[in-house]
N, C-alpha and C. Protein backbone atom coordinates (compact mmCIF):
# COMPACT_ATOMS: atom_id res chain seq x y z
N MET A 1 88.44 35.41 29.41
CA MET A 1 87.33 34.72 28.81
C MET A 1 86.69 33.84 29.87
N ASP A 2 85.38 33.82 29.91
CA ASP A 2 84.71 33.00 30.90
C ASP A 2 84.65 31.54 30.46
N GLY A 3 84.27 30.67 31.39
CA GLY A 3 84.25 29.24 31.13
C GLY A 3 83.33 28.83 30.01
N ILE A 4 82.17 29.46 29.93
CA ILE A 4 81.19 29.12 28.90
C ILE A 4 81.75 29.46 27.51
N GLU A 5 82.36 30.62 27.39
CA GLU A 5 82.93 31.02 26.10
C GLU A 5 84.08 30.10 25.71
N MET A 6 84.91 29.72 26.67
CA MET A 6 86.02 28.80 26.40
C MET A 6 85.48 27.46 25.89
N LEU A 7 84.42 26.95 26.54
CA LEU A 7 83.82 25.70 26.10
C LEU A 7 83.24 25.82 24.69
N ARG A 8 82.64 26.96 24.39
CA ARG A 8 82.09 27.17 23.05
C ARG A 8 83.20 27.09 22.01
N VAL A 9 84.31 27.76 22.27
CA VAL A 9 85.42 27.74 21.32
C VAL A 9 86.00 26.33 21.19
N LEU A 10 86.22 25.67 22.32
CA LEU A 10 86.79 24.32 22.28
C LEU A 10 85.81 23.30 21.68
N GLY A 11 84.53 23.62 21.76
CA GLY A 11 83.52 22.72 21.22
C GLY A 11 83.30 22.83 19.73
N ASN A 12 83.84 23.87 19.12
CA ASN A 12 83.69 24.03 17.68
C ASN A 12 84.46 22.94 16.94
N GLU A 13 83.83 22.42 15.92
CA GLU A 13 84.44 21.34 15.14
C GLU A 13 85.84 21.73 14.69
N TYR A 14 86.77 20.84 14.85
CA TYR A 14 88.17 20.92 14.45
C TYR A 14 89.08 21.64 15.46
N ASN A 15 88.54 22.52 16.30
CA ASN A 15 89.42 23.29 17.20
C ASN A 15 90.26 22.42 18.12
N PRO A 16 89.70 21.43 18.82
CA PRO A 16 90.57 20.61 19.68
C PRO A 16 91.65 19.87 18.89
N GLU A 17 91.31 19.35 17.73
CA GLU A 17 92.28 18.64 16.92
C GLU A 17 93.38 19.58 16.43
N MET A 18 93.00 20.79 16.05
CA MET A 18 94.00 21.76 15.58
C MET A 18 94.95 22.13 16.71
N LEU A 19 94.42 22.34 17.90
CA LEU A 19 95.29 22.65 19.04
C LEU A 19 96.23 21.49 19.34
N SER A 20 95.71 20.29 19.29
CA SER A 20 96.54 19.12 19.56
C SER A 20 97.67 19.00 18.55
N PHE A 21 97.37 19.20 17.28
CA PHE A 21 98.37 19.07 16.22
C PHE A 21 99.36 20.23 16.20
N ALA A 22 98.97 21.37 16.75
CA ALA A 22 99.82 22.57 16.73
C ALA A 22 100.76 22.62 17.93
N HIS A 23 101.19 21.47 18.44
CA HIS A 23 102.19 21.48 19.51
C HIS A 23 103.53 21.96 18.98
N GLU A 24 103.73 21.85 17.68
CA GLU A 24 104.87 22.42 16.97
C GLU A 24 104.31 23.41 15.95
N PRO A 25 105.09 24.39 15.52
CA PRO A 25 104.58 25.35 14.55
C PRO A 25 104.08 24.67 13.27
N ARG A 26 102.87 25.03 12.86
CA ARG A 26 102.23 24.45 11.67
C ARG A 26 101.59 25.56 10.85
N SER A 27 101.63 25.39 9.55
CA SER A 27 100.95 26.33 8.66
C SER A 27 99.47 25.93 8.55
N ALA A 28 98.68 26.85 8.04
CA ALA A 28 97.25 26.54 7.82
C ALA A 28 97.13 25.36 6.86
N GLN A 29 97.97 25.32 5.84
CA GLN A 29 97.90 24.23 4.88
C GLN A 29 98.25 22.89 5.53
N GLU A 30 99.25 22.88 6.41
CA GLU A 30 99.60 21.64 7.12
C GLU A 30 98.44 21.19 8.01
N LEU A 31 97.83 22.13 8.72
CA LEU A 31 96.69 21.78 9.57
C LEU A 31 95.55 21.24 8.71
N SER A 32 95.29 21.89 7.60
CA SER A 32 94.21 21.47 6.71
C SER A 32 94.47 20.07 6.15
N ASP A 33 95.67 19.84 5.67
CA ASP A 33 96.01 18.54 5.07
C ASP A 33 96.00 17.42 6.11
N GLU A 34 96.64 17.65 7.23
CA GLU A 34 96.78 16.60 8.24
C GLU A 34 95.45 16.23 8.88
N LEU A 35 94.60 17.22 9.11
CA LEU A 35 93.36 16.99 9.83
C LEU A 35 92.14 16.88 8.91
N ASP A 36 92.37 16.99 7.62
CA ASP A 36 91.29 16.91 6.63
C ASP A 36 90.22 17.97 6.90
N VAL A 37 90.69 19.20 7.12
CA VAL A 37 89.82 20.35 7.36
C VAL A 37 89.84 21.21 6.10
N PRO A 38 88.69 21.60 5.57
CA PRO A 38 88.69 22.51 4.42
C PRO A 38 89.51 23.77 4.74
N ILE A 39 90.31 24.23 3.80
CA ILE A 39 91.24 25.32 4.06
C ILE A 39 90.54 26.60 4.52
N ALA A 40 89.38 26.93 3.96
CA ALA A 40 88.66 28.13 4.40
C ALA A 40 88.23 27.99 5.86
N THR A 41 87.75 26.81 6.23
CA THR A 41 87.37 26.55 7.62
C THR A 41 88.59 26.62 8.52
N CYS A 42 89.69 26.11 8.03
CA CYS A 42 90.93 26.12 8.81
C CYS A 42 91.33 27.57 9.15
N TYR A 43 91.26 28.45 8.18
CA TYR A 43 91.60 29.86 8.44
C TYR A 43 90.64 30.49 9.45
N ARG A 44 89.34 30.17 9.35
CA ARG A 44 88.38 30.70 10.33
C ARG A 44 88.69 30.19 11.72
N ARG A 45 89.02 28.91 11.83
CA ARG A 45 89.34 28.33 13.14
C ARG A 45 90.64 28.91 13.70
N ILE A 46 91.62 29.12 12.85
CA ILE A 46 92.87 29.75 13.30
C ILE A 46 92.58 31.13 13.87
N GLU A 47 91.76 31.89 13.17
CA GLU A 47 91.41 33.23 13.66
C GLU A 47 90.71 33.15 15.01
N GLU A 48 89.77 32.24 15.13
CA GLU A 48 89.05 32.08 16.40
C GLU A 48 90.00 31.68 17.53
N LEU A 49 90.88 30.75 17.27
CA LEU A 49 91.81 30.27 18.30
C LEU A 49 92.86 31.31 18.66
N THR A 50 93.30 32.12 17.69
CA THR A 50 94.25 33.18 18.02
C THR A 50 93.56 34.32 18.76
N ASP A 51 92.31 34.61 18.40
CA ASP A 51 91.55 35.66 19.10
C ASP A 51 91.36 35.32 20.58
N THR A 52 91.31 34.04 20.90
CA THR A 52 91.11 33.62 22.29
C THR A 52 92.43 33.23 22.96
N ASP A 53 93.55 33.51 22.29
CA ASP A 53 94.90 33.25 22.83
C ASP A 53 95.19 31.78 23.10
N LEU A 54 94.44 30.90 22.48
CA LEU A 54 94.76 29.47 22.59
C LEU A 54 95.82 29.07 21.57
N LEU A 55 95.92 29.84 20.51
CA LEU A 55 96.88 29.61 19.44
C LEU A 55 97.59 30.92 19.18
N GLU A 56 98.86 30.86 18.80
CA GLU A 56 99.59 32.09 18.51
C GLU A 56 100.22 32.03 17.13
N HIS A 57 100.35 33.21 16.52
CA HIS A 57 101.12 33.31 15.29
C HIS A 57 102.57 33.19 15.73
N HIS A 58 103.25 32.18 15.24
CA HIS A 58 104.62 31.91 15.70
C HIS A 58 105.67 32.57 14.82
N ASP A 59 105.49 32.50 13.50
CA ASP A 59 106.54 32.98 12.60
C ASP A 59 106.01 33.01 11.17
N ARG A 60 106.78 33.59 10.28
CA ARG A 60 106.56 33.48 8.83
C ARG A 60 107.78 32.76 8.28
N VAL A 61 107.55 31.61 7.70
CA VAL A 61 108.66 30.79 7.21
C VAL A 61 108.57 30.64 5.70
N LEU A 62 109.68 30.22 5.12
CA LEU A 62 109.73 29.98 3.69
C LEU A 62 109.25 28.56 3.41
N SER A 63 108.23 28.43 2.57
CA SER A 63 107.68 27.11 2.24
C SER A 63 108.56 26.41 1.21
N ASP A 64 108.23 25.16 0.94
CA ASP A 64 108.94 24.40 -0.09
C ASP A 64 108.79 25.06 -1.46
N GLU A 65 107.70 25.80 -1.65
CA GLU A 65 107.45 26.50 -2.91
C GLU A 65 108.11 27.87 -2.93
N ARG A 66 108.92 28.17 -1.91
CA ARG A 66 109.66 29.43 -1.80
C ARG A 66 108.73 30.64 -1.61
N ARG A 67 107.62 30.41 -0.85
CA ARG A 67 106.70 31.49 -0.48
C ARG A 67 106.71 31.62 1.03
N ARG A 68 106.48 32.83 1.50
CA ARG A 68 106.37 33.06 2.94
C ARG A 68 104.99 32.62 3.42
N VAL A 69 104.96 31.79 4.45
CA VAL A 69 103.69 31.34 5.03
C VAL A 69 103.72 31.54 6.54
N ASN A 70 102.57 31.82 7.10
CA ASN A 70 102.44 31.95 8.55
C ASN A 70 102.38 30.57 9.18
N VAL A 71 103.03 30.43 10.31
CA VAL A 71 102.91 29.20 11.08
C VAL A 71 102.40 29.55 12.47
N TYR A 72 101.64 28.62 13.03
CA TYR A 72 100.95 28.83 14.30
C TYR A 72 101.31 27.71 15.27
N ARG A 73 101.28 28.05 16.55
CA ARG A 73 101.57 27.07 17.60
C ARG A 73 100.63 27.34 18.78
N ARG A 74 100.23 26.27 19.44
CA ARG A 74 99.30 26.46 20.56
C ARG A 74 100.01 27.13 21.74
N ASN A 75 99.23 27.86 22.51
CA ASN A 75 99.72 28.54 23.70
C ASN A 75 99.45 27.76 24.97
N VAL A 76 98.69 26.69 24.87
CA VAL A 76 98.26 25.97 26.06
C VAL A 76 98.79 24.54 26.04
N GLU A 77 99.00 24.04 27.22
CA GLU A 77 99.42 22.65 27.38
C GLU A 77 98.25 21.78 27.79
N LYS A 78 97.36 22.37 28.62
CA LYS A 78 96.25 21.58 29.14
C LYS A 78 95.08 22.51 29.47
N VAL A 79 93.86 22.01 29.26
CA VAL A 79 92.65 22.72 29.64
C VAL A 79 91.82 21.77 30.51
N VAL A 80 91.46 22.23 31.71
CA VAL A 80 90.67 21.41 32.63
C VAL A 80 89.33 22.11 32.85
N VAL A 81 88.24 21.38 32.62
CA VAL A 81 86.89 21.92 32.78
C VAL A 81 86.28 21.29 34.02
N ASP A 82 85.71 22.14 34.88
CA ASP A 82 85.08 21.67 36.10
C ASP A 82 83.64 22.18 36.12
N PHE A 83 82.70 21.23 36.16
CA PHE A 83 81.29 21.57 36.27
C PHE A 83 80.92 21.49 37.74
N ASN A 84 80.44 22.61 38.29
CA ASN A 84 80.06 22.63 39.70
C ASN A 84 78.72 23.32 39.85
N GLU A 85 78.24 23.40 41.07
CA GLU A 85 76.92 24.00 41.32
C GLU A 85 76.84 25.45 40.87
N GLY A 86 77.95 26.15 40.95
CA GLY A 86 77.96 27.57 40.59
C GLY A 86 78.15 27.81 39.11
N GLY A 87 78.31 26.79 38.33
CA GLY A 87 78.51 26.97 36.89
C GLY A 87 79.67 26.13 36.38
N VAL A 88 80.41 26.71 35.49
CA VAL A 88 81.53 26.04 34.85
C VAL A 88 82.79 26.85 35.08
N SER A 89 83.86 26.15 35.46
CA SER A 89 85.15 26.82 35.54
C SER A 89 86.11 26.11 34.61
N VAL A 90 86.97 26.89 34.00
CA VAL A 90 87.95 26.35 33.06
C VAL A 90 89.32 26.82 33.51
N ASP A 91 90.23 25.87 33.70
CA ASP A 91 91.60 26.18 34.09
C ASP A 91 92.50 25.87 32.90
N VAL A 92 93.23 26.87 32.45
CA VAL A 92 94.10 26.72 31.28
C VAL A 92 95.54 26.74 31.76
N GLU A 93 96.28 25.70 31.41
CA GLU A 93 97.71 25.64 31.73
C GLU A 93 98.47 26.05 30.48
N GLU A 94 99.20 27.17 30.59
CA GLU A 94 99.95 27.66 29.44
C GLU A 94 101.15 26.78 29.15
N ARG A 95 101.58 26.78 27.90
CA ARG A 95 102.83 26.12 27.54
C ARG A 95 103.95 26.77 28.33
N GLN A 96 104.90 26.03 28.81
CA GLN A 96 105.96 26.56 29.66
C GLN A 96 106.75 27.67 28.97
N GLN A 97 107.05 27.53 27.68
CA GLN A 97 107.80 28.56 26.99
C GLN A 97 107.04 29.88 26.95
N VAL A 98 105.74 29.81 26.76
CA VAL A 98 104.92 31.01 26.73
C VAL A 98 104.91 31.66 28.09
N LYS A 99 104.73 30.87 29.12
CA LYS A 99 104.72 31.39 30.49
C LYS A 99 106.04 32.05 30.83
N SER A 100 107.16 31.42 30.47
CA SER A 100 108.47 31.98 30.75
C SER A 100 108.66 33.31 30.02
N ARG A 101 108.21 33.37 28.76
CA ARG A 101 108.34 34.59 27.99
C ARG A 101 107.49 35.71 28.60
N LEU A 102 106.29 35.38 29.06
CA LEU A 102 105.43 36.37 29.70
C LEU A 102 106.02 36.85 31.02
N ASP A 103 106.55 35.93 31.81
CA ASP A 103 107.19 36.30 33.07
C ASP A 103 108.37 37.23 32.84
N GLU A 104 109.17 36.93 31.82
CA GLU A 104 110.32 37.76 31.49
C GLU A 104 109.89 39.15 31.06
N ALA A 105 108.86 39.24 30.24
CA ALA A 105 108.35 40.53 29.80
C ALA A 105 107.82 41.34 30.99
N TRP A 106 107.13 40.67 31.90
CA TRP A 106 106.60 41.34 33.08
C TRP A 106 107.73 41.89 33.95
N ARG A 107 108.79 41.10 34.15
CA ARG A 107 109.94 41.56 34.94
C ARG A 107 110.58 42.77 34.29
N THR A 108 110.72 42.76 32.97
CA THR A 108 111.32 43.89 32.26
C THR A 108 110.48 45.14 32.42
N LEU A 109 109.16 45.02 32.33
CA LEU A 109 108.27 46.17 32.47
C LEU A 109 108.28 46.75 33.88
N SER A 110 108.44 45.89 34.87
CA SER A 110 108.36 46.36 36.25
C SER A 110 109.69 46.92 36.76
N GLU A 111 110.74 46.83 35.97
CA GLU A 111 112.05 47.37 36.40
C GLU A 111 112.17 48.83 36.09
């Protein structure tokens, strides 16, 4: 994804707050309740953030109501935006666990 597209996604209302709160696995309902985001908007934002790999589907857990719910967790630790003469560059620092898992998968594939 280019820098402009990344800024567009991060600039959408609620996305930065959702990423910040999703440092631990959270359901859409938890994100909606904690951040005061309408649930329909929350689902749209989750889809947008997962499509851009900033958020990942982490698991399906049993809720207090004994229903299976999806939980999501962010894939990034930090995003740095640099405005320069040539345009915009965005540097994304992945969460260490995600990076380790990707490195392990890559090693397995290359063996």
